[in-house]
N, C-alpha and C. Protein backbone atom coordinates (compact mmCIF):
# COMPACT_ATOMS: atom_id res chain seq x y z
N UNK A 1 -13.25 28.44 3.47
CA UNK A 1 -12.01 28.92 3.30
C UNK A 1 -11.27 27.22 3.08
N UNK A 2 -10.40 27.85 2.08
CA UNK A 2 -9.81 26.41 1.69
C UNK A 2 -8.51 26.54 2.40
N UNK A 3 -7.93 25.51 3.25
CA UNK A 3 -6.82 25.68 4.10
C UNK A 3 -6.18 24.11 4.08
N UNK A 4 -4.64 24.13 3.86
CA UNK A 4 -4.03 22.94 4.01
C UNK A 4 -2.84 23.22 5.22
N UNK A 5 -2.75 22.11 5.69
CA UNK A 5 -1.72 21.96 6.99
C UNK A 5 -0.49 21.14 6.59
N UNK A 6 0.42 21.92 6.30
CA UNK A 6 1.38 20.93 6.22
C UNK A 6 2.86 20.74 7.34
N UNK A 7 3.26 19.64 7.42
CA UNK A 7 4.44 19.47 8.09
C UNK A 7 5.70 19.96 7.23
N UNK A 8 6.72 20.46 8.33
CA UNK A 8 7.77 20.78 7.60
C UNK A 8 8.70 19.83 6.99
N UNK A 9 9.41 19.35 8.37
CA UNK A 9 10.80 18.63 8.02
C UNK A 9 10.36 16.96 7.33
N UNK A 10 10.93 16.98 6.35
CA UNK A 10 10.26 15.65 5.29
C UNK A 10 9.17 15.86 4.72
N UNK A 11 8.33 16.97 4.74
CA UNK A 11 7.31 16.98 3.86
C UNK A 11 7.43 18.29 3.09
N UNK A 12 7.94 19.53 3.38
CA UNK A 12 8.53 20.59 3.00
C UNK A 12 10.18 20.51 2.66
N UNK A 13 10.77 19.81 3.26
CA UNK A 13 12.11 20.02 3.15
C UNK A 13 12.91 18.71 3.50
N UNK A 14 13.85 18.25 2.90
CA UNK A 14 14.82 17.52 3.02
C UNK A 14 15.05 17.26 4.39
N UNK A 15 15.40 15.97 5.07
CA UNK A 15 15.83 15.95 6.45
C UNK A 15 17.17 15.32 6.58
N UNK A 16 18.04 15.54 7.27
CA UNK A 16 19.34 14.70 7.39
C UNK A 16 19.30 13.56 8.21
N UNK A 17 20.13 12.77 8.31
CA UNK A 17 20.40 11.32 9.02
C UNK A 17 19.82 11.34 10.60
N UNK A 18 19.99 12.48 10.98
CA UNK A 18 19.02 12.75 12.58
C UNK A 18 17.72 12.60 12.27
N UNK A 19 16.80 12.84 11.13
CA UNK A 19 15.65 13.22 11.11
C UNK A 19 15.23 14.50 11.26
N UNK A 20 16.08 15.61 11.48
CA UNK A 20 15.78 16.90 11.25
C UNK A 20 17.00 17.60 10.79
N UNK A 21 16.75 18.97 10.76
CA UNK A 21 17.85 19.58 10.11
C UNK A 21 17.90 20.93 11.36
N UNK A 22 19.54 21.61 11.22
CA UNK A 22 19.70 22.60 12.49
C UNK A 22 20.07 23.63 12.14
N UNK A 23 19.97 24.07 10.68
CA UNK A 23 20.53 25.44 10.36
C UNK A 23 19.44 25.87 8.76
N UNK A 24 19.83 27.19 8.97
CA UNK A 24 19.14 27.69 7.22
C UNK A 24 19.96 26.93 6.24
N UNK A 25 21.30 26.73 6.40
CA UNK A 25 22.12 26.27 5.38
C UNK A 25 21.72 24.96 4.75
N UNK A 26 21.28 23.99 5.80
CA UNK A 26 20.72 22.67 5.65
C UNK A 26 19.10 22.59 4.86
N UNK A 27 18.51 23.57 5.12
CA UNK A 27 17.30 23.90 5.05
C UNK A 27 17.15 23.69 3.19
N UNK A 28 16.87 22.18 2.63
CA UNK A 28 16.58 22.14 1.13
C UNK A 28 15.59 21.57 1.11
N UNK A 29 14.77 22.23 -0.06
CA UNK A 29 13.26 21.77 -0.27
C UNK A 29 13.17 20.29 -1.03
N UNK A 30 12.21 19.48 -0.65
CA UNK A 30 11.73 18.19 -1.45
C UNK A 30 11.12 18.78 -2.98
N UNK A 31 11.99 17.99 -3.69
CA UNK A 31 11.49 18.30 -5.14
C UNK A 31 10.14 18.38 -5.30
N UNK A 32 9.91 19.55 -5.80
CA UNK A 32 8.37 19.87 -6.12
C UNK A 32 7.44 20.33 -5.29
N UNK A 33 7.87 20.44 -3.70
CA UNK A 33 7.17 20.90 -2.80
C UNK A 33 6.91 22.37 -2.89
N UNK A 34 8.01 23.41 -3.08
CA UNK A 34 7.56 24.57 -3.23
C UNK A 34 6.90 25.06 -4.45
N UNK A 35 6.82 24.35 -5.51
CA UNK A 35 6.16 24.64 -6.34
C UNK A 35 4.50 24.30 -6.49
N UNK A 36 4.49 23.05 -5.43
CA UNK A 36 3.15 22.57 -5.04
C UNK A 36 2.59 23.59 -4.07
N UNK A 37 3.07 24.30 -3.12
CA UNK A 37 2.21 25.27 -2.37
C UNK A 37 2.16 26.41 -3.30
N UNK A 38 2.98 26.57 -4.31
CA UNK A 38 2.22 27.85 -4.98
C UNK A 38 1.17 27.38 -6.04
N UNK A 39 0.78 25.98 -6.26
CA UNK A 39 -0.20 25.81 -7.14
C UNK A 39 -1.35 25.76 -6.03
N UNK A 40 -1.31 25.57 -4.96
CA UNK A 40 -2.19 25.35 -3.64
C UNK A 40 -2.78 26.88 -3.84
N UNK A 41 -1.99 27.84 -3.48
CA UNK A 41 -2.22 29.32 -3.42
C UNK A 41 -2.90 29.78 -4.67
N UNK A 42 -2.50 29.35 -5.77
CA UNK A 42 -3.07 29.98 -7.37
C UNK A 42 -4.74 29.20 -7.32
N UNK A 43 -5.04 28.13 -6.51
CA UNK A 43 -6.11 27.52 -6.51
C UNK A 43 -7.25 28.22 -5.33
N UNK A 44 -6.81 29.19 -4.59
CA UNK A 44 -7.20 29.73 -3.36
C UNK A 44 -7.02 29.08 -2.23
N UNK A 45 -6.25 28.44 -1.97
CA UNK A 45 -5.90 27.74 -0.73
C UNK A 45 -5.04 28.68 0.16
N UNK A 46 -5.32 28.52 1.32
CA UNK A 46 -4.23 29.22 2.40
C UNK A 46 -3.14 27.60 2.70
N UNK A 47 -2.05 28.14 3.28
CA UNK A 47 -1.18 27.25 3.51
C UNK A 47 -0.66 27.63 4.79
N UNK A 48 -0.65 26.43 5.72
CA UNK A 48 0.01 26.43 7.18
C UNK A 48 0.91 25.40 7.52
N UNK A 49 1.95 25.67 7.98
CA UNK A 49 2.83 24.85 8.61
C UNK A 49 2.68 24.70 9.67
N UNK A 50 2.66 23.41 10.59
CA UNK A 50 2.64 23.07 11.63
C UNK A 50 3.71 21.96 11.95
N UNK A 51 4.74 22.43 12.77
CA UNK A 51 5.79 21.40 12.93
C UNK A 51 6.39 21.47 14.33
N UNK A 52 6.83 20.26 14.68
CA UNK A 52 7.58 20.15 16.08
C UNK A 52 9.01 20.42 15.81
N UNK A 53 9.66 21.19 16.59
CA UNK A 53 10.97 21.87 16.74
C UNK A 53 11.60 21.49 18.01
N UNK A 54 11.64 20.11 18.38
CA UNK A 54 12.38 20.14 19.78
C UNK A 54 14.09 20.40 19.51
N UNK A 55 14.39 20.58 18.45
CA UNK A 55 16.19 21.04 18.40
C UNK A 55 15.89 22.29 19.74
N UNK A 56 15.01 23.30 19.61
CA UNK A 56 15.07 24.53 20.12
C UNK A 56 14.94 24.13 21.60
N UNK A 57 14.27 23.04 22.15
CA UNK A 57 13.85 22.65 23.57
C UNK A 57 15.41 21.99 23.94
N UNK A 58 15.72 21.20 23.17
CA UNK A 58 16.71 20.27 23.36
C UNK A 58 18.39 21.06 23.28
N UNK A 59 18.32 22.41 22.66
CA UNK A 59 19.48 23.26 22.75
C UNK A 59 20.43 22.87 21.49
N UNK A 60 19.93 22.36 20.46
CA UNK A 60 20.69 22.03 19.45
C UNK A 60 20.70 23.09 18.39
N UNK A 61 19.78 23.74 18.50
CA UNK A 61 19.76 25.40 17.96
C UNK A 61 18.67 26.13 18.70
N UNK A 62 18.97 27.85 18.35
CA UNK A 62 18.17 28.60 19.22
C UNK A 62 17.08 29.23 18.20
N UNK A 63 16.48 29.97 18.89
CA UNK A 63 15.21 30.67 17.94
C UNK A 63 15.88 31.45 16.71
N UNK A 64 16.95 32.26 16.92
CA UNK A 64 17.28 32.73 15.89
C UNK A 64 17.44 31.94 14.59
N UNK A 65 18.32 30.66 15.01
CA UNK A 65 18.67 29.74 13.84
C UNK A 65 17.22 29.15 13.25
N UNK A 66 15.96 29.08 14.28
CA UNK A 66 14.81 28.48 13.53
C UNK A 66 14.13 29.66 12.97
N UNK A 67 14.30 30.85 13.16
CA UNK A 67 13.78 31.92 12.42
C UNK A 67 14.54 32.13 10.83
N UNK A 68 15.69 31.84 10.95
CA UNK A 68 16.40 31.70 9.99
C UNK A 68 15.98 30.75 8.97
N UNK A 69 15.81 29.41 9.34
CA UNK A 69 15.26 28.44 8.39
C UNK A 69 13.93 28.70 7.83
N UNK A 70 13.08 29.42 8.70
CA UNK A 70 11.76 29.70 8.02
C UNK A 70 11.53 30.79 7.54
N UNK A 71 12.46 31.93 7.39
CA UNK A 71 12.86 33.06 6.62
C UNK A 71 13.30 32.35 5.22
N UNK A 72 14.41 31.43 5.31
CA UNK A 72 14.74 30.84 4.21
C UNK A 72 13.49 30.06 3.25
N UNK A 73 12.64 29.34 4.40
CA UNK A 73 11.69 28.85 3.79
C UNK A 73 10.76 29.85 2.63
N UNK A 74 10.27 30.76 3.75
CA UNK A 74 9.32 31.47 2.94
C UNK A 74 9.84 32.54 1.65
N UNK A 75 11.07 32.84 1.80
CA UNK A 75 11.83 33.34 0.50
C UNK A 75 11.74 32.47 -0.51
N UNK A 76 12.37 30.94 -0.25
CA UNK A 76 12.04 30.15 -1.53
C UNK A 76 10.67 29.82 -2.07
N UNK A 77 9.77 29.64 -1.05
CA UNK A 77 8.38 29.45 -1.36
C UNK A 77 8.02 30.85 -2.41
N UNK A 78 8.47 32.09 -1.99
CA UNK A 78 7.91 33.26 -2.65
C UNK A 78 8.74 33.32 -4.24
N UNK A 79 9.92 32.79 -4.03
CA UNK A 79 10.48 32.65 -5.43
C UNK A 79 9.70 31.77 -6.31
N UNK A 80 9.17 30.67 -5.92
CA UNK A 80 8.19 29.94 -6.82
C UNK A 80 6.89 30.53 -6.93
N UNK A 81 6.39 31.68 -6.56
CA UNK A 81 5.04 32.37 -6.62
C UNK A 81 4.06 31.93 -5.62
N UNK A 82 4.50 31.32 -4.39
CA UNK A 82 3.72 30.97 -3.33
C UNK A 82 3.69 31.75 -2.25
N UNK A 83 3.19 31.46 -1.21
CA UNK A 83 3.26 31.81 0.11
C UNK A 83 2.74 30.92 1.18
N UNK A 84 3.55 30.77 2.43
CA UNK A 84 2.99 30.15 3.50
C UNK A 84 2.20 31.21 4.29
N UNK A 85 0.96 30.96 4.95
CA UNK A 85 0.25 32.19 5.45
C UNK A 85 0.65 32.18 6.85
N UNK A 86 1.04 31.13 7.49
CA UNK A 86 1.31 31.33 8.88
C UNK A 86 2.37 29.85 9.45
N UNK A 87 3.10 29.83 10.15
CA UNK A 87 3.87 28.84 10.81
C UNK A 87 4.05 28.70 12.00
N UNK A 88 3.12 27.49 12.59
CA UNK A 88 3.13 27.14 13.88
C UNK A 88 3.95 26.01 14.32
N UNK A 89 4.33 26.55 15.40
CA UNK A 89 5.76 25.50 15.99
C UNK A 89 5.67 25.05 17.41
N UNK A 90 6.19 23.97 17.71
CA UNK A 90 6.15 23.74 19.26
C UNK A 90 7.90 23.40 19.44
N UNK A 91 8.35 23.88 20.41
CA UNK A 91 9.71 23.81 20.61
C UNK A 91 10.04 22.80 21.58
N UNK A 92 9.15 22.44 22.37
CA UNK A 92 8.99 21.14 23.19
C UNK A 92 9.57 19.95 23.15
N UNK A 93 10.27 19.33 23.90
CA UNK A 93 10.88 17.97 23.62
C UNK A 93 9.60 16.98 24.01
N UNK A 94 10.19 15.80 23.40
CA UNK A 94 9.22 14.53 23.74
C UNK A 94 8.65 14.47 25.18
N UNK A 95 9.65 14.52 26.04
CA UNK A 95 9.46 14.58 27.32
C UNK A 95 8.55 15.29 28.07
N UNK A 96 8.14 16.45 27.43
CA UNK A 96 7.59 17.51 28.09
C UNK A 96 6.18 17.16 28.01
N UNK A 97 5.45 16.59 27.31
CA UNK A 97 4.20 16.05 27.37
C UNK A 97 3.28 17.36 26.97
N UNK A 98 3.76 18.16 26.01
CA UNK A 98 3.02 19.41 26.08
C UNK A 98 1.85 19.05 24.72
N UNK A 99 0.85 19.81 25.20
CA UNK A 99 -0.24 19.82 24.25
C UNK A 99 -0.26 20.32 22.84
N UNK A 100 0.69 21.07 22.78
CA UNK A 100 0.99 21.56 21.28
C UNK A 100 2.09 20.72 20.65
N UNK A 101 2.71 19.92 21.08
CA UNK A 101 3.70 18.84 20.19
C UNK A 101 2.83 17.72 20.08
N UNK A 102 2.87 17.56 18.60
CA UNK A 102 2.19 16.47 17.94
C UNK A 102 3.06 15.09 18.17
N UNK A 103 2.32 14.12 18.64
CA UNK A 103 1.01 13.85 18.22
C UNK A 103 -0.42 14.53 18.67
N UNK A 104 -0.18 15.34 19.70
CA UNK A 104 -1.27 16.09 20.40
C UNK A 104 -1.82 16.90 19.41
N UNK A 105 -2.99 17.43 19.60
CA UNK A 105 -3.47 18.12 18.47
C UNK A 105 -3.64 19.84 18.76
N UNK A 106 -2.78 20.40 19.86
CA UNK A 106 -2.87 21.61 20.53
C UNK A 106 -2.55 22.63 18.89
N UNK A 107 -1.35 22.34 18.36
CA UNK A 107 -1.24 23.15 17.39
C UNK A 107 -2.57 23.23 16.21
N UNK A 108 -3.06 22.23 15.87
CA UNK A 108 -4.23 22.32 15.11
C UNK A 108 -5.36 23.00 16.03
N UNK A 109 -5.48 22.98 16.80
CA UNK A 109 -6.58 23.85 17.49
C UNK A 109 -6.18 24.85 17.37
N UNK A 110 -4.99 25.57 17.51
CA UNK A 110 -4.55 26.80 17.46
C UNK A 110 -4.64 27.32 16.27
N UNK A 111 -4.45 26.65 14.93
CA UNK A 111 -4.84 27.06 13.77
C UNK A 111 -6.31 27.13 13.50
N UNK A 112 -6.89 26.31 14.13
CA UNK A 112 -8.58 26.90 13.76
C UNK A 112 -8.84 27.75 14.49
N UNK A 113 -8.26 28.25 15.74
CA UNK A 113 -8.74 29.38 15.98
C UNK A 113 -8.38 30.45 15.46
N UNK A 114 -6.91 30.61 15.05
CA UNK A 114 -6.55 31.91 14.31
C UNK A 114 -7.26 31.93 12.87
N UNK A 115 -7.64 30.80 12.25
CA UNK A 115 -8.25 31.10 10.97
C UNK A 115 -9.61 31.03 11.04
N UNK A 116 -10.28 30.67 12.55
CA UNK A 116 -11.53 31.18 12.42
C UNK A 116 -12.31 29.96 11.56
N UNK A 117 -11.93 28.72 11.60
CA UNK A 117 -12.61 27.83 10.70
C UNK A 117 -12.43 26.03 11.50
N UNK A 118 -13.43 25.55 11.09
CA UNK A 118 -13.14 24.04 11.83
C UNK A 118 -12.63 23.36 11.07
N UNK A 119 -11.74 22.51 11.33
CA UNK A 119 -10.82 21.52 10.47
C UNK A 119 -11.35 20.28 9.87
N UNK A 120 -12.69 20.12 10.10
CA UNK A 120 -13.34 19.02 9.76
C UNK A 120 -13.01 18.93 8.03
N UNK A 121 -12.31 17.96 7.46
CA UNK A 121 -12.23 17.69 6.27
C UNK A 121 -10.72 18.72 5.96
N UNK A 122 -10.25 19.45 6.77
CA UNK A 122 -8.81 20.12 6.01
C UNK A 122 -7.88 19.12 5.72
N UNK A 123 -7.24 19.05 4.89
CA UNK A 123 -6.38 18.25 4.42
C UNK A 123 -4.62 18.58 5.56
N UNK A 124 -4.19 17.53 6.04
CA UNK A 124 -2.96 17.63 6.93
C UNK A 124 -1.86 16.68 6.36
N UNK A 125 -1.01 16.99 5.84
CA UNK A 125 0.09 16.35 5.22
C UNK A 125 1.14 16.19 5.84
N UNK A 126 1.85 15.16 5.94
CA UNK A 126 2.75 14.70 6.54
C UNK A 126 3.68 13.47 6.45
N UNK A 127 4.99 13.36 6.92
CA UNK A 127 5.39 12.22 6.75
C UNK A 127 5.54 11.30 7.69
N UNK A 128 5.17 11.70 9.14
CA UNK A 128 5.38 10.93 10.47
C UNK A 128 4.05 10.74 11.03
N UNK A 129 4.02 9.39 11.48
CA UNK A 129 2.88 8.84 12.27
C UNK A 129 2.37 10.27 13.18
N UNK A 130 3.11 10.71 14.03
CA UNK A 130 2.51 11.91 15.08
C UNK A 130 1.89 12.87 14.34
N UNK A 131 2.08 13.20 13.00
CA UNK A 131 1.76 14.23 12.07
C UNK A 131 0.09 13.86 11.88
N UNK A 132 0.20 12.73 11.32
CA UNK A 132 -1.42 11.98 11.02
C UNK A 132 -2.17 11.91 12.32
N UNK A 133 -1.37 11.43 13.34
CA UNK A 133 -2.61 11.16 14.66
C UNK A 133 -2.95 12.43 15.12
N UNK A 134 -2.06 13.49 14.87
CA UNK A 134 -2.46 14.95 15.63
C UNK A 134 -3.70 15.64 14.71
N UNK A 135 -3.43 15.48 13.27
CA UNK A 135 -4.62 15.53 12.17
C UNK A 135 -6.02 15.05 12.34
N UNK A 136 -5.58 13.62 12.51
CA UNK A 136 -6.64 13.01 13.03
C UNK A 136 -7.59 13.46 14.24
N UNK A 137 -6.91 13.79 15.24
CA UNK A 137 -7.54 13.95 16.70
C UNK A 137 -8.11 15.45 16.69
N UNK A 138 -7.66 16.15 15.78
CA UNK A 138 -8.19 17.60 15.33
C UNK A 138 -9.60 17.70 14.57
N UNK A 139 -9.64 16.44 13.78
CA UNK A 139 -10.93 16.18 12.93
C UNK A 139 -10.39 16.53 11.38
N UNK A 140 -9.21 16.76 11.20
CA UNK A 140 -8.45 16.95 10.02
C UNK A 140 -8.35 15.63 9.06
N UNK A 141 -8.07 15.51 7.74
CA UNK A 141 -7.82 14.59 7.19
C UNK A 141 -6.56 14.32 6.84
N UNK A 142 -5.96 13.05 7.33
CA UNK A 142 -4.51 12.89 7.27
C UNK A 142 -4.02 12.44 6.18
N UNK A 143 -3.06 13.04 5.54
CA UNK A 143 -2.63 12.78 4.44
C UNK A 143 -1.01 12.42 4.34
N UNK A 144 -0.61 10.90 4.40
CA UNK A 144 0.95 10.73 4.33
C UNK A 144 1.69 10.98 2.72
N UNK A 145 2.66 11.59 2.93
CA UNK A 145 3.83 11.49 2.05
C UNK A 145 4.72 10.53 2.34
N UNK A 146 5.37 10.03 1.39
CA UNK A 146 6.47 8.75 1.27
C UNK A 146 7.81 9.44 1.20
N UNK A 147 7.89 10.81 1.14
CA UNK A 147 9.42 11.28 1.50
C UNK A 147 9.67 11.34 3.00
N UNK A 148 10.98 12.05 3.30
CA UNK A 148 11.26 11.99 4.57
C UNK A 148 11.19 10.88 5.15
N UNK A 149 10.37 10.55 6.23
CA UNK A 149 10.35 9.32 7.04
C UNK A 149 8.88 8.55 6.77
N UNK A 150 8.64 9.04 5.46
CA UNK A 150 7.00 8.37 5.14
C UNK A 150 6.81 6.75 4.52
N UNK A 151 8.34 6.59 4.39
CA UNK A 151 8.21 5.09 3.82
C UNK A 151 8.03 4.33 4.95
N UNK A 152 8.89 4.80 6.18
CA UNK A 152 9.14 4.04 7.29
C UNK A 152 7.68 4.25 7.96
N UNK A 153 7.20 5.33 8.07
CA UNK A 153 5.92 5.39 8.77
C UNK A 153 4.72 4.42 8.19
N UNK A 154 4.83 4.45 6.74
CA UNK A 154 3.86 3.32 6.08
C UNK A 154 4.25 1.75 6.51
N UNK A 155 5.29 1.25 6.47
CA UNK A 155 5.68 0.28 6.85
C UNK A 155 5.55 -0.02 8.24
N UNK A 156 5.74 0.73 9.28
CA UNK A 156 5.21 0.56 10.73
C UNK A 156 4.01 0.18 10.79
N UNK A 157 3.02 0.90 10.10
CA UNK A 157 1.68 0.77 10.07
C UNK A 157 0.95 1.47 11.12
N UNK A 158 -0.59 1.31 11.68
CA UNK A 158 -1.07 2.08 12.50
C UNK A 158 -1.42 3.34 12.38
N UNK A 159 -1.69 3.69 10.86
CA UNK A 159 -2.15 4.83 10.27
C UNK A 159 -3.60 5.03 10.73
N UNK A 160 -3.83 6.48 11.12
CA UNK A 160 -5.26 6.46 11.53
C UNK A 160 -6.17 6.23 10.56
N UNK A 161 -7.25 6.08 10.96
CA UNK A 161 -8.52 5.86 9.53
C UNK A 161 -8.44 7.10 8.58
N UNK A 162 -8.47 6.91 7.49
CA UNK A 162 -8.92 7.45 6.37
C UNK A 162 -7.79 7.99 5.92
N UNK A 163 -6.48 7.89 6.40
CA UNK A 163 -5.46 8.18 5.91
C UNK A 163 -5.15 7.88 4.52
N UNK A 164 -4.69 8.88 3.88
CA UNK A 164 -4.34 8.39 2.14
C UNK A 164 -2.65 8.72 2.02
N UNK A 165 -2.21 8.00 1.02
CA UNK A 165 -0.72 7.79 0.80
C UNK A 165 -0.49 8.58 -0.49
N UNK A 166 0.72 9.35 -0.59
CA UNK A 166 1.24 9.76 -1.76
C UNK A 166 2.74 9.85 -2.00
N UNK A 167 2.86 10.06 -3.15
CA UNK A 167 4.36 9.86 -3.31
C UNK A 167 5.15 10.80 -2.53
N UNK A 168 4.76 12.32 -2.68
CA UNK A 168 5.23 13.57 -2.29
C UNK A 168 4.32 14.25 -2.22
N UNK A 169 4.50 15.55 -1.96
CA UNK A 169 3.60 16.94 -1.52
C UNK A 169 3.19 17.16 -2.94
N UNK A 170 3.88 17.07 -3.98
CA UNK A 170 3.43 17.30 -5.14
C UNK A 170 2.41 16.63 -5.69
N UNK A 171 2.52 15.07 -5.46
CA UNK A 171 1.19 14.28 -5.87
C UNK A 171 -0.02 14.55 -4.86
N UNK A 172 0.26 14.42 -3.63
CA UNK A 172 -0.92 14.97 -2.42
C UNK A 172 -1.93 16.53 -3.04
N UNK A 173 -0.81 17.06 -3.53
CA UNK A 173 -1.65 18.67 -4.35
C UNK A 173 -2.51 18.17 -5.71
N UNK A 174 -1.81 17.29 -6.12
CA UNK A 174 -2.63 17.03 -7.33
C UNK A 174 -3.86 16.29 -7.03
N UNK A 175 -3.83 15.85 -6.29
CA UNK A 175 -5.55 15.22 -5.41
C UNK A 175 -6.05 16.12 -5.12
N UNK A 176 -5.48 17.20 -4.27
CA UNK A 176 -6.47 18.08 -3.66
C UNK A 176 -7.21 19.01 -4.83
N UNK A 177 -6.37 19.01 -5.73
CA UNK A 177 -6.82 20.10 -6.80
C UNK A 177 -7.34 19.45 -8.23
N UNK A 178 -7.95 18.29 -7.85
CA UNK A 178 -8.59 17.42 -8.85
C UNK A 178 -10.16 17.98 -9.25
């Protein structure tokens, strides 16, 4: 099974100055990202989103708002001819030390279990160091996009071994489909 794991904020969608979005109205796709998902699907890939959503845990928005954001994301991807097969999210805050919250690999382990597939070599694409760390810890292949927090992540350094860098999700997908 070909599967790609994508971060949401900063990878699939644009983020606000706060580093996240808090409403469906604020959910705006990164340029070319939705079309990139559709290209993966047409090539036989399953696409899964793994996203930290501490805004829920911090009381910045509720589950209905998170569900509305994801409904909009699914609708817009579908309009481009693609689909997201599953969305895994962690509503816990940084202080929780939750095993599901990236950089911990809990969400990745849950994805492996749900799809009954090992994550060795599975591309995991994100814009933040914690995305890449979670991927590496789970045996997936970390891919950094320079959208969202990506430029800052690259400048800070400390990327997991084997991390590749790409201008955006569309460029990362180009590499996967070569």
